[in-house]
C-alpha cells in the first residue's frame, strides 16, 4: 500500500493557494476563456470548464483572471456563449440540440419560411423540446447556431 506523506500540520503535500476574489466584467471572462481555449491540450473540450448547471468553473481560469470572480458567469455547452444570467445557456443548449435533431430528421431549418430574422419556430420543435424557452431565439444563417441576439 502507498500513503501520501503528511506534513506536521496534517495537510497533504499539495499546496493550497489562498483564494483571491476579483471583480471582472463579462468581456474579461470572455477574454480569459478564449486564452484558456487557445492553450488547451488537443482532445480537451471547452465543456470541461462548464458545470452541470452551466456555471463556469473558474479553477482553470484562475491564472487568466488573477483570481475567482465575485459572482457566477454561465456558458452554453453547445454554443460556448457566456452569460451573466443563468437561464440563457440552459435554454440555448436545449434549443440547439433540438434544432440539430430537427435538421437531421427533416432536412430543413426550424424557422418560419421567409422570416428575415430567422427566429426559431418553437412550434416546429414541439416534439424535440422538453421545455419551451421563455424568450425568442434565432438561428444564425452561416453556422446554424442558436443565439438570443436578433440578426442586424
N, C-alpha and C. Protein backbone atom coordinates (compact mmCIF):
# COMPACT_ATOMS: atom_id res chain seq x y z
N UNK A 1 0.82 -1.18 0.00
CA UNK A 1 0.00 0.00 0.00
C UNK A 1 0.87 1.25 0.00
N UNK A 2 0.33 2.31 -0.62
CA UNK A 2 1.06 3.57 -0.68
C UNK A 2 0.26 4.63 0.08
N UNK A 3 0.97 5.46 0.78
CA UNK A 3 0.33 6.52 1.55
C UNK A 3 0.97 7.85 1.17
N UNK A 4 0.16 8.91 1.22
CA UNK A 4 0.71 10.25 0.99
C UNK A 4 1.45 10.68 2.24
N UNK A 5 2.57 11.31 2.06
CA UNK A 5 3.34 11.82 3.18
C UNK A 5 2.64 13.07 3.71
N UNK A 6 2.41 13.11 5.00
CA UNK A 6 1.73 14.25 5.60
C UNK A 6 2.73 15.19 6.24
N UNK A 7 2.38 16.47 6.16
CA UNK A 7 3.17 17.48 6.84
C UNK A 7 2.80 17.48 8.32
N UNK A 8 3.55 18.19 9.11
CA UNK A 8 3.30 18.23 10.55
C UNK A 8 1.93 18.79 10.89
N UNK A 9 1.42 19.73 10.08
CA UNK A 9 0.12 20.32 10.39
C UNK A 9 -1.05 19.46 9.90
N UNK A 10 -0.76 18.31 9.31
CA UNK A 10 -1.81 17.39 8.89
C UNK A 10 -2.24 17.52 7.45
N UNK A 11 -1.81 18.57 6.76
CA UNK A 11 -2.16 18.73 5.35
C UNK A 11 -1.33 17.79 4.49
N UNK A 12 -1.85 17.43 3.34
CA UNK A 12 -1.06 16.66 2.40
C UNK A 12 -0.03 17.59 1.78
N UNK A 13 0.86 17.04 0.99
CA UNK A 13 1.93 17.85 0.43
C UNK A 13 1.44 18.85 -0.62
N UNK A 14 0.22 18.66 -1.09
CA UNK A 14 -0.30 19.60 -2.09
C UNK A 14 -0.44 20.98 -1.44
N UNK A 15 0.03 21.97 -2.13
CA UNK A 15 -0.05 23.33 -1.60
C UNK A 15 -1.43 23.89 -1.87
N UNK A 16 -1.97 24.55 -0.88
CA UNK A 16 -3.26 25.21 -1.05
C UNK A 16 -3.01 26.69 -1.26
N UNK A 17 -3.58 27.23 -2.35
CA UNK A 17 -3.40 28.66 -2.58
C UNK A 17 -4.54 29.41 -1.90
N UNK A 18 -4.23 30.59 -1.49
CA UNK A 18 -5.26 31.43 -0.90
C UNK A 18 -6.14 31.93 -2.03
N UNK A 19 -7.45 31.75 -1.91
CA UNK A 19 -8.36 32.13 -2.98
C UNK A 19 -8.58 33.63 -2.98
N UNK A 20 -8.21 34.25 -4.07
CA UNK A 20 -8.37 35.70 -4.24
C UNK A 20 -9.67 35.94 -5.01
N UNK A 21 -10.51 36.81 -4.50
CA UNK A 21 -11.77 37.16 -5.15
C UNK A 21 -11.56 38.45 -5.94
N UNK A 22 -11.96 38.42 -7.22
CA UNK A 22 -11.78 39.58 -8.09
C UNK A 22 -13.11 39.98 -8.72
N UNK A 23 -13.22 41.26 -9.04
CA UNK A 23 -14.38 41.77 -9.77
C UNK A 23 -13.99 41.84 -11.24
N UNK A 24 -14.76 41.14 -12.08
CA UNK A 24 -14.46 41.11 -13.51
C UNK A 24 -15.73 41.40 -14.31
N UNK A 25 -15.52 41.85 -15.54
CA UNK A 25 -16.64 42.09 -16.46
C UNK A 25 -16.84 40.84 -17.30
N UNK A 26 -17.96 40.78 -17.96
CA UNK A 26 -18.22 39.65 -18.84
C UNK A 26 -17.21 39.60 -19.99
N UNK A 27 -16.76 40.76 -20.44
CA UNK A 27 -15.75 40.79 -21.51
C UNK A 27 -14.42 40.23 -21.03
N UNK A 28 -14.07 40.48 -19.78
CA UNK A 28 -12.84 39.91 -19.21
C UNK A 28 -12.95 38.38 -19.09
N UNK A 29 -14.14 37.90 -18.73
CA UNK A 29 -14.36 36.45 -18.66
C UNK A 29 -14.25 35.85 -20.06
N UNK A 30 -14.84 36.49 -21.04
CA UNK A 30 -14.75 36.00 -22.43
C UNK A 30 -13.29 35.94 -22.89
N UNK A 31 -12.52 36.98 -22.58
CA UNK A 31 -11.11 37.00 -22.96
C UNK A 31 -10.34 35.88 -22.26
N UNK A 32 -10.63 35.64 -21.00
CA UNK A 32 -9.95 34.57 -20.25
C UNK A 32 -10.30 33.20 -20.83
N UNK A 33 -11.57 33.00 -21.17
CA UNK A 33 -12.00 31.74 -21.77
C UNK A 33 -11.30 31.53 -23.11
N UNK A 34 -11.20 32.59 -23.91
CA UNK A 34 -10.51 32.48 -25.21
C UNK A 34 -9.04 32.13 -25.04
N UNK A 35 -8.37 32.76 -24.08
CA UNK A 35 -6.96 32.44 -23.82
C UNK A 35 -6.81 31.00 -23.35
N UNK A 36 -7.71 30.58 -22.46
CA UNK A 36 -7.69 29.21 -21.96
C UNK A 36 -7.89 28.22 -23.12
N UNK A 37 -8.85 28.52 -23.99
CA UNK A 37 -9.14 27.64 -25.13
C UNK A 37 -7.94 27.54 -26.06
N UNK A 38 -7.24 28.65 -26.27
CA UNK A 38 -6.07 28.64 -27.14
C UNK A 38 -4.91 27.82 -26.57
N UNK A 39 -4.88 27.68 -25.25
CA UNK A 39 -3.80 26.93 -24.60
C UNK A 39 -4.19 25.51 -24.19
N UNK A 40 -5.42 25.10 -24.49
CA UNK A 40 -5.88 23.76 -24.10
C UNK A 40 -5.15 22.68 -24.89
N UNK A 41 -4.99 21.55 -24.25
CA UNK A 41 -4.39 20.40 -24.94
C UNK A 41 -5.38 19.86 -25.97
N UNK A 42 -4.84 19.32 -27.03
CA UNK A 42 -5.68 18.74 -28.07
C UNK A 42 -6.50 17.60 -27.46
N UNK A 43 -7.76 17.54 -27.81
CA UNK A 43 -8.63 16.50 -27.30
C UNK A 43 -9.41 16.88 -26.05
N UNK A 44 -9.10 18.03 -25.47
CA UNK A 44 -9.83 18.52 -24.29
C UNK A 44 -10.89 19.49 -24.78
N UNK A 45 -12.12 19.29 -24.34
CA UNK A 45 -13.22 20.15 -24.76
C UNK A 45 -13.37 21.34 -23.82
N UNK A 46 -13.80 22.45 -24.37
CA UNK A 46 -14.09 23.63 -23.57
C UNK A 46 -15.23 23.35 -22.59
N UNK A 47 -16.01 22.32 -22.88
CA UNK A 47 -17.09 21.92 -21.98
C UNK A 47 -16.56 21.50 -20.61
N UNK A 48 -15.28 21.19 -20.54
CA UNK A 48 -14.69 20.74 -19.28
C UNK A 48 -14.70 21.81 -18.19
N UNK A 49 -14.88 23.06 -18.56
CA UNK A 49 -14.94 24.13 -17.55
C UNK A 49 -16.37 24.57 -17.25
N UNK A 50 -17.35 23.84 -17.78
CA UNK A 50 -18.75 24.19 -17.56
C UNK A 50 -19.38 23.13 -16.65
N UNK A 51 -19.92 23.58 -15.54
CA UNK A 51 -20.57 22.67 -14.59
C UNK A 51 -21.95 22.27 -15.11
N UNK A 52 -22.58 21.31 -14.45
CA UNK A 52 -23.88 20.81 -14.89
C UNK A 52 -24.96 21.88 -14.93
N UNK A 53 -24.85 22.89 -14.07
CA UNK A 53 -25.84 23.97 -14.05
C UNK A 53 -25.45 25.12 -14.99
N UNK A 54 -24.48 24.87 -15.86
CA UNK A 54 -23.95 25.82 -16.84
C UNK A 54 -23.08 26.92 -16.24
N UNK A 55 -22.81 26.84 -14.95
CA UNK A 55 -21.91 27.81 -14.33
C UNK A 55 -20.47 27.48 -14.75
N UNK A 56 -19.69 28.51 -14.99
CA UNK A 56 -18.29 28.30 -15.36
C UNK A 56 -17.49 27.97 -14.11
N UNK A 57 -16.69 26.91 -14.19
CA UNK A 57 -15.79 26.53 -13.11
C UNK A 57 -14.51 27.33 -13.29
N UNK A 58 -14.27 28.28 -12.41
CA UNK A 58 -13.18 29.21 -12.58
C UNK A 58 -11.83 28.71 -12.08
N UNK A 59 -11.75 27.47 -11.64
CA UNK A 59 -10.45 26.92 -11.21
C UNK A 59 -9.45 26.97 -12.36
N UNK A 60 -9.88 26.56 -13.54
CA UNK A 60 -8.99 26.54 -14.71
C UNK A 60 -8.66 27.94 -15.21
N UNK A 61 -9.51 28.90 -14.91
CA UNK A 61 -9.32 30.26 -15.41
C UNK A 61 -8.69 31.19 -14.37
N UNK A 62 -8.38 30.65 -13.21
CA UNK A 62 -7.87 31.44 -12.09
C UNK A 62 -6.67 32.30 -12.49
N UNK A 63 -5.70 31.68 -13.16
CA UNK A 63 -4.48 32.42 -13.52
C UNK A 63 -4.74 33.46 -14.62
N UNK A 64 -5.74 33.23 -15.45
CA UNK A 64 -6.06 34.18 -16.52
C UNK A 64 -6.79 35.42 -15.98
N UNK A 65 -7.52 35.25 -14.87
CA UNK A 65 -8.28 36.35 -14.29
C UNK A 65 -7.61 36.95 -13.06
N UNK A 66 -6.60 36.27 -12.55
CA UNK A 66 -5.93 36.76 -11.34
C UNK A 66 -6.71 36.47 -10.08
N UNK A 67 -7.66 35.53 -10.16
CA UNK A 67 -8.47 35.15 -9.01
C UNK A 67 -9.80 34.57 -9.46
N UNK A 68 -10.67 34.38 -8.49
CA UNK A 68 -12.00 33.84 -8.76
C UNK A 68 -12.99 35.01 -8.77
N UNK A 69 -13.87 35.09 -9.77
CA UNK A 69 -14.84 36.18 -9.84
C UNK A 69 -15.76 36.22 -8.61
N UNK A 70 -16.20 37.41 -8.28
CA UNK A 70 -17.06 37.60 -7.12
C UNK A 70 -18.52 37.24 -7.39
N UNK A 71 -18.80 36.84 -8.61
CA UNK A 71 -20.16 36.41 -8.98
C UNK A 71 -20.06 35.35 -10.06
N UNK A 72 -21.10 34.55 -10.22
CA UNK A 72 -21.04 33.49 -11.23
C UNK A 72 -21.28 34.01 -12.65
N UNK A 73 -20.71 33.30 -13.60
CA UNK A 73 -20.98 33.50 -15.02
C UNK A 73 -21.36 32.14 -15.57
N UNK A 74 -22.09 32.13 -16.66
CA UNK A 74 -22.63 30.89 -17.20
C UNK A 74 -22.25 30.75 -18.66
N UNK A 75 -22.12 29.50 -19.12
CA UNK A 75 -21.73 29.26 -20.51
C UNK A 75 -22.58 28.15 -21.12
N UNK A 76 -22.97 28.35 -22.35
CA UNK A 76 -23.66 27.32 -23.11
C UNK A 76 -22.66 26.23 -23.47
N UNK A 77 -23.04 24.98 -23.26
CA UNK A 77 -22.18 23.85 -23.62
C UNK A 77 -22.23 23.56 -25.11
N UNK A 78 -23.23 24.10 -25.78
CA UNK A 78 -23.39 23.84 -27.21
C UNK A 78 -22.81 24.96 -28.08
N UNK A 79 -23.00 26.20 -27.67
CA UNK A 79 -22.55 27.33 -28.49
C UNK A 79 -21.36 28.07 -27.88
N UNK A 80 -21.06 27.80 -26.63
CA UNK A 80 -19.97 28.42 -25.86
C UNK A 80 -20.15 29.92 -25.64
N UNK A 81 -21.37 30.41 -25.77
CA UNK A 81 -21.65 31.81 -25.43
C UNK A 81 -21.62 31.95 -23.91
N UNK A 82 -21.20 33.10 -23.43
CA UNK A 82 -21.08 33.35 -22.00
C UNK A 82 -22.12 34.38 -21.58
N UNK A 83 -22.72 34.14 -20.40
CA UNK A 83 -23.82 34.97 -19.91
C UNK A 83 -23.65 35.31 -18.44
N UNK A 84 -24.33 36.37 -18.05
CA UNK A 84 -24.43 36.71 -16.63
C UNK A 84 -25.71 36.13 -16.04
N UNK A 85 -26.68 35.82 -16.87
CA UNK A 85 -27.95 35.24 -16.44
C UNK A 85 -27.89 33.72 -16.60
N UNK A 86 -28.41 32.99 -15.62
CA UNK A 86 -28.27 31.53 -15.64
C UNK A 86 -29.24 30.83 -16.59
N UNK A 87 -30.36 31.45 -16.96
CA UNK A 87 -31.34 30.77 -17.79
C UNK A 87 -30.98 30.71 -19.27
N UNK A 88 -30.27 31.70 -19.76
CA UNK A 88 -29.94 31.74 -21.18
C UNK A 88 -29.22 30.48 -21.67
N UNK A 89 -28.12 30.06 -21.05
CA UNK A 89 -27.42 28.89 -21.59
C UNK A 89 -28.24 27.61 -21.51
N UNK A 90 -29.04 27.48 -20.48
CA UNK A 90 -29.89 26.28 -20.34
C UNK A 90 -30.81 26.14 -21.56
N UNK A 91 -31.52 27.22 -21.86
CA UNK A 91 -32.49 27.17 -22.97
C UNK A 91 -31.80 27.15 -24.33
N UNK A 92 -30.68 27.83 -24.46
CA UNK A 92 -29.95 27.79 -25.73
C UNK A 92 -29.45 26.37 -26.00
N UNK A 93 -28.95 25.70 -24.98
CA UNK A 93 -28.49 24.31 -25.15
C UNK A 93 -29.64 23.39 -25.54
N UNK A 94 -30.77 23.50 -24.84
CA UNK A 94 -31.93 22.68 -25.18
C UNK A 94 -32.37 22.91 -26.62
N UNK A 95 -32.41 24.18 -27.01
CA UNK A 95 -32.87 24.54 -28.35
C UNK A 95 -31.85 24.16 -29.42
N UNK A 96 -30.56 24.28 -29.13
CA UNK A 96 -29.53 23.90 -30.12
C UNK A 96 -29.60 22.41 -30.41
N UNK A 97 -29.74 21.60 -29.39
CA UNK A 97 -29.85 20.15 -29.57
C UNK A 97 -31.12 19.82 -30.36
N UNK A 98 -32.23 20.48 -30.02
CA UNK A 98 -33.49 20.25 -30.72
C UNK A 98 -33.38 20.67 -32.19
N UNK A 99 -32.75 21.81 -32.46
CA UNK A 99 -32.59 22.28 -33.84
C UNK A 99 -31.73 21.32 -34.64
N UNK A 100 -30.62 20.87 -34.07
CA UNK A 100 -29.74 19.92 -34.76
C UNK A 100 -30.49 18.64 -35.12
N UNK A 101 -31.26 18.12 -34.17
CA UNK A 101 -32.03 16.89 -34.41
C UNK A 101 -33.10 17.12 -35.47
N UNK A 102 -33.78 18.26 -35.40
CA UNK A 102 -34.82 18.59 -36.38
C UNK A 102 -34.23 18.65 -37.79
N UNK A 103 -33.09 19.32 -37.92
CA UNK A 103 -32.44 19.45 -39.23
C UNK A 103 -32.03 18.08 -39.76
N UNK A 104 -31.48 17.23 -38.89
CA UNK A 104 -31.08 15.88 -39.32
C UNK A 104 -32.28 15.07 -39.82
N UNK A 105 -33.38 15.15 -39.11
CA UNK A 105 -34.55 14.34 -39.45
C UNK A 105 -35.40 14.91 -40.57
N UNK A 106 -35.44 16.24 -40.71
CA UNK A 106 -36.35 16.86 -41.67
C UNK A 106 -35.65 17.52 -42.86
N UNK A 107 -34.35 17.71 -42.76
CA UNK A 107 -33.61 18.31 -43.87
C UNK A 107 -33.89 19.78 -44.08
N UNK A 108 -34.47 20.44 -43.09
CA UNK A 108 -34.74 21.87 -43.18
C UNK A 108 -34.55 22.50 -41.81
N UNK A 109 -34.39 23.82 -41.80
CA UNK A 109 -34.20 24.52 -40.54
C UNK A 109 -35.55 24.79 -39.87
N UNK A 110 -35.59 24.77 -38.55
CA UNK A 110 -36.86 25.01 -37.84
C UNK A 110 -37.18 26.49 -37.68
N UNK A 111 -37.25 27.18 -38.81
CA UNK A 111 -37.64 28.59 -38.81
C UNK A 111 -38.83 28.74 -39.74
N UNK A 112 -39.57 29.81 -39.58
CA UNK A 112 -40.70 30.08 -40.46
C UNK A 112 -40.16 30.52 -41.82
N UNK A 113 -40.65 29.92 -42.87
CA UNK A 113 -40.20 30.24 -44.22
C UNK A 113 -40.37 31.73 -44.49
N UNK A 114 -39.29 32.34 -44.98
CA UNK A 114 -39.32 33.76 -45.33
C UNK A 114 -39.09 34.71 -44.16
N UNK A 115 -38.86 34.20 -42.97
CA UNK A 115 -38.62 35.07 -41.81
C UNK A 115 -37.23 35.67 -41.91
N UNK A 116 -37.10 36.98 -42.13
CA UNK A 116 -35.79 37.60 -42.27
C UNK A 116 -34.97 37.58 -40.97
N UNK A 117 -35.64 37.49 -39.82
CA UNK A 117 -34.93 37.43 -38.55
C UNK A 117 -34.42 36.04 -38.21
N UNK A 118 -34.94 35.02 -38.93
CA UNK A 118 -34.57 33.62 -38.71
C UNK A 118 -34.87 33.18 -37.28
N UNK A 119 -36.02 33.62 -36.78
CA UNK A 119 -36.47 33.26 -35.44
C UNK A 119 -36.79 31.76 -35.41
N UNK A 120 -36.32 31.08 -34.35
CA UNK A 120 -36.60 29.65 -34.20
C UNK A 120 -38.09 29.48 -33.97
N UNK A 121 -38.70 28.59 -34.75
CA UNK A 121 -40.12 28.31 -34.65
C UNK A 121 -40.32 27.18 -33.63
N UNK A 122 -40.72 27.53 -32.41
CA UNK A 122 -40.87 26.54 -31.35
C UNK A 122 -41.98 25.54 -31.65
N UNK A 123 -42.93 25.93 -32.47
CA UNK A 123 -43.99 25.00 -32.86
C UNK A 123 -43.42 23.83 -33.66
N UNK A 124 -42.45 24.11 -34.54
CA UNK A 124 -41.80 23.04 -35.31
C UNK A 124 -40.96 22.13 -34.41
N UNK A 125 -40.52 22.66 -33.29
CA UNK A 125 -39.66 21.89 -32.38
C UNK A 125 -40.42 21.27 -31.21
N UNK A 126 -41.75 21.33 -31.24
CA UNK A 126 -42.52 20.89 -30.07
C UNK A 126 -42.24 19.44 -29.67
N UNK A 127 -41.89 18.59 -30.62
CA UNK A 127 -41.59 17.18 -30.31
C UNK A 127 -40.12 16.97 -29.95
N UNK A 128 -39.32 18.00 -30.03
CA UNK A 128 -37.88 17.91 -29.76
C UNK A 128 -37.48 18.62 -28.47
N UNK A 129 -38.31 19.57 -28.04
CA UNK A 129 -38.00 20.35 -26.83
C UNK A 129 -38.71 19.77 -25.61
N UNK A 130 -38.00 19.66 -24.51
CA UNK A 130 -38.62 19.23 -23.26
C UNK A 130 -39.28 20.42 -22.56
N UNK A 131 -38.82 21.62 -22.90
CA UNK A 131 -39.33 22.84 -22.29
C UNK A 131 -39.18 23.98 -23.30
N UNK A 132 -40.23 24.76 -23.47
CA UNK A 132 -40.17 25.88 -24.42
C UNK A 132 -39.43 27.06 -23.78
N UNK A 133 -38.44 27.60 -24.46
CA UNK A 133 -37.72 28.77 -23.92
C UNK A 133 -38.67 29.95 -23.73
N UNK A 134 -38.48 30.72 -22.65
CA UNK A 134 -39.38 31.86 -22.38
C UNK A 134 -38.99 33.14 -23.11
N UNK A 135 -38.08 33.03 -24.06
CA UNK A 135 -37.65 34.20 -24.84
C UNK A 135 -37.37 33.75 -26.27
N UNK A 136 -37.31 34.72 -27.18
CA UNK A 136 -37.08 34.41 -28.59
C UNK A 136 -35.63 33.96 -28.81
N UNK A 137 -35.47 33.01 -29.71
CA UNK A 137 -34.14 32.57 -30.12
C UNK A 137 -34.07 32.59 -31.64
N UNK A 138 -32.85 32.73 -32.14
CA UNK A 138 -32.64 32.88 -33.57
C UNK A 138 -31.60 31.87 -34.04
N UNK A 139 -31.67 31.52 -35.32
CA UNK A 139 -30.72 30.59 -35.91
C UNK A 139 -29.79 31.36 -36.84
N UNK A 140 -28.51 31.31 -36.52
CA UNK A 140 -27.52 32.05 -37.33
C UNK A 140 -27.47 31.44 -38.73
N UNK A 141 -27.46 32.26 -39.78
CA UNK A 141 -27.53 31.73 -41.14
C UNK A 141 -26.30 30.94 -41.59
N UNK A 142 -25.11 31.27 -41.11
CA UNK A 142 -23.92 30.56 -41.60
C UNK A 142 -23.64 29.26 -40.86
N UNK A 143 -23.70 29.30 -39.54
CA UNK A 143 -23.29 28.10 -38.80
C UNK A 143 -24.44 27.36 -38.12
N UNK A 144 -25.66 27.86 -38.28
CA UNK A 144 -26.86 27.25 -37.70
C UNK A 144 -26.79 27.12 -36.18
N UNK A 145 -26.11 28.07 -35.57
CA UNK A 145 -26.03 28.08 -34.11
C UNK A 145 -27.16 28.94 -33.56
N UNK A 146 -27.74 28.48 -32.47
CA UNK A 146 -28.83 29.19 -31.82
C UNK A 146 -28.25 30.34 -31.00
N UNK A 147 -28.90 31.49 -31.08
CA UNK A 147 -28.47 32.65 -30.32
C UNK A 147 -29.67 33.43 -29.82
N UNK A 148 -29.47 34.22 -28.81
CA UNK A 148 -30.54 35.08 -28.28
C UNK A 148 -30.53 36.45 -28.94
N UNK A 149 -29.52 36.70 -29.77
CA UNK A 149 -29.38 38.00 -30.43
C UNK A 149 -30.07 37.98 -31.79
N UNK A 150 -30.95 38.94 -31.99
CA UNK A 150 -31.60 39.07 -33.29
C UNK A 150 -30.57 39.55 -34.32
N UNK A 151 -30.66 39.04 -35.54
CA UNK A 151 -29.71 39.49 -36.57
C UNK A 151 -29.90 40.96 -36.90
N UNK A 152 -28.82 41.60 -37.31
CA UNK A 152 -28.88 43.03 -37.63
C UNK A 152 -29.11 43.26 -39.10
